[in-house]
Amino acid sequence: MAKNGGRRTILEHLGSANTDSELAALMQVTRDKLDEGQEELDLGLDALAEKTRTTKPRGDRR
């Protein structure tokens, strides 16, 4: 997305996801596009997502 004169312009729409598997595929396509010519800044979000998936919900802590 680019901003010009206060207006946002979509540079390229990569798709939409309705399921977790579609989201995973879309994220992979995005990573591949980033790898073509731009490095990815590691914000640690993959590790956070993994931790969230492996953590029990609050009500289930025993």
C-alpha atoms as a PDB file:
ATOM      1  CA  MET A   1       0.000   0.000   0.000  1.00  0.00           C
ATOM      2  CA  ALA A   2       1.259   3.469  -0.829  1.00  0.00           C
ATOM      3  CA  LYS A   3      -0.015   6.807   0.379  1.00  0.00           C
ATOM      4  CA  ASN A   4      -0.230   9.749  -1.996  1.00  0.00           C
ATOM      5  CA  GLY A   5      -1.801  13.029  -0.943  1.00  0.00           C
ATOM      6  CA  GLY A   6      -3.598  11.371   1.974  1.00  0.00           C
ATOM      7  CA  ARG A   7      -5.060   8.632  -0.259  1.00  0.00           C
ATOM      8  CA  ARG A   8      -4.087   5.002   0.070  1.00  0.00           C
ATOM      9  CA  THR A   9      -3.358   3.030  -3.068  1.00  0.00           C
ATOM     10  CA  ILE A  10      -3.201  -0.745  -3.116  1.00  0.00           C
ATOM     11  CA  LEU A  11      -0.094  -1.728  -5.040  1.00  0.00           C
ATOM     12  CA  GLU A  12      -0.975  -5.395  -5.386  1.00  0.00           C
ATOM     13  CA  HIS A  13      -3.801  -7.478  -3.935  1.00  0.00           C
ATOM     14  CA  LEU A  14      -2.452 -10.889  -2.989  1.00  0.00           C
ATOM     15  CA  GLY A  15      -5.771 -12.547  -2.237  1.00  0.00           C
ATOM     16  CA  SER A  16      -8.300 -13.237   0.472  1.00  0.00           C
ATOM     17  CA  ALA A  17      -8.544 -16.096   2.918  1.00  0.00           C
ATOM     18  CA  ASN A  18     -11.640 -17.668   4.428  1.00  0.00           C
ATOM     19  CA  THR A  19     -10.057 -20.635   6.208  1.00  0.00           C
ATOM     20  CA  ASP A  20      -6.874 -21.251   8.192  1.00  0.00           C
ATOM     21  CA  SER A  21      -5.428 -23.328   5.354  1.00  0.00           C
ATOM     22  CA  GLU A  22      -6.146 -20.583   2.798  1.00  0.00           C
ATOM     23  CA  LEU A  23      -4.521 -18.052   5.145  1.00  0.00           C
ATOM     24  CA  ALA A  24      -1.437 -20.253   5.513  1.00  0.00           C
ATOM     25  CA  ALA A  25      -1.159 -20.577   1.723  1.00  0.00           C
ATOM     26  CA  LEU A  26      -1.605 -16.825   1.258  1.00  0.00           C
ATOM     27  CA  MET A  27       1.040 -16.089   3.885  1.00  0.00           C
ATOM     28  CA  GLN A  28       3.455 -18.419   2.062  1.00  0.00           C
ATOM     29  CA  VAL A  29       2.806 -16.637  -1.246  1.00  0.00           C
ATOM     30  CA  THR A  30       3.484 -13.337   0.521  1.00  0.00           C
ATOM     31  CA  ARG A  31       6.732 -14.639   2.034  1.00  0.00           C
ATOM     32  CA  ASP A  32       7.830 -15.865  -1.397  1.00  0.00           C
ATOM     33  CA  LYS A  33       7.146 -12.425  -2.881  1.00  0.00           C
ATOM     34  CA  LEU A  34       9.129 -10.763  -0.092  1.00  0.00           C
ATOM     35  CA  ASP A  35      12.000 -13.149  -0.668  1.00  0.00           C
ATOM     36  CA  GLU A  36      12.188 -12.112  -4.326  1.00  0.00           C
ATOM     37  CA  GLY A  37      13.906  -8.846  -3.531  1.00  0.00           C
ATOM     38  CA  GLN A  38      13.298  -7.744   0.003  1.00  0.00           C
ATOM     39  CA  GLU A  39      14.354  -9.081   3.349  1.00  0.00           C
ATOM     40  CA  GLU A  40      11.720  -9.871   5.952  1.00  0.00           C
ATOM     41  CA  LEU A  41      11.946  -8.191   9.348  1.00  0.00           C
ATOM     42  CA  ASP A  42      11.560 -10.885  11.996  1.00  0.00           C
ATOM     43  CA  LEU A  43       9.179  -9.528  14.609  1.00  0.00           C
ATOM     44  CA  GLY A  44       8.940 -12.876  16.393  1.00  0.00           C
ATOM     45  CA  LEU A  45       5.287 -13.271  15.420  1.00  0.00           C
ATOM     46  CA  ASP A  46       5.738 -16.887  14.272  1.00  0.00           C
ATOM     47  CA  ALA A  47       7.070 -17.809  17.719  1.00  0.00           C
ATOM     48  CA  LEU A  48       4.204 -15.924  19.386  1.00  0.00           C
ATOM     49  CA  ALA A  49       1.638 -17.681  17.189  1.00  0.00           C
ATOM     50  CA  GLU A  50       3.163 -21.067  18.015  1.00  0.00           C
ATOM     51  CA  LYS A  51       3.116 -20.262  21.741  1.00  0.00           C
ATOM     52  CA  THR A  52      -0.520 -19.187  21.493  1.00  0.00           C
ATOM     53  CA  ARG A  53      -1.479 -22.455  19.759  1.00  0.00           C
ATOM     54  CA  THR A  54       0.230 -24.575  22.415  1.00  0.00           C
ATOM     55  CA  THR A  55      -1.094 -22.657  25.433  1.00  0.00           C
ATOM     56  CA  LYS A  56      -4.223 -23.911  27.155  1.00  0.00           C
ATOM     57  CA  PRO A  57      -7.201 -21.532  27.343  1.00  0.00           C
ATOM     58  CA  ARG A  58      -7.503 -19.700  30.690  1.00  0.00           C
ATOM     59  CA  GLY A  59     -10.367 -21.848  31.926  1.00  0.00           C
ATOM     60  CA  ASP A  60      -8.426 -25.105  31.314  1.00  0.00           C
ATOM     61  CA  ARG A  61      -5.325 -24.375  33.410  1.00  0.00           C
ATOM     62  CA  ARG A  62      -4.802 -27.180  35.874  1.00  0.00           C
END
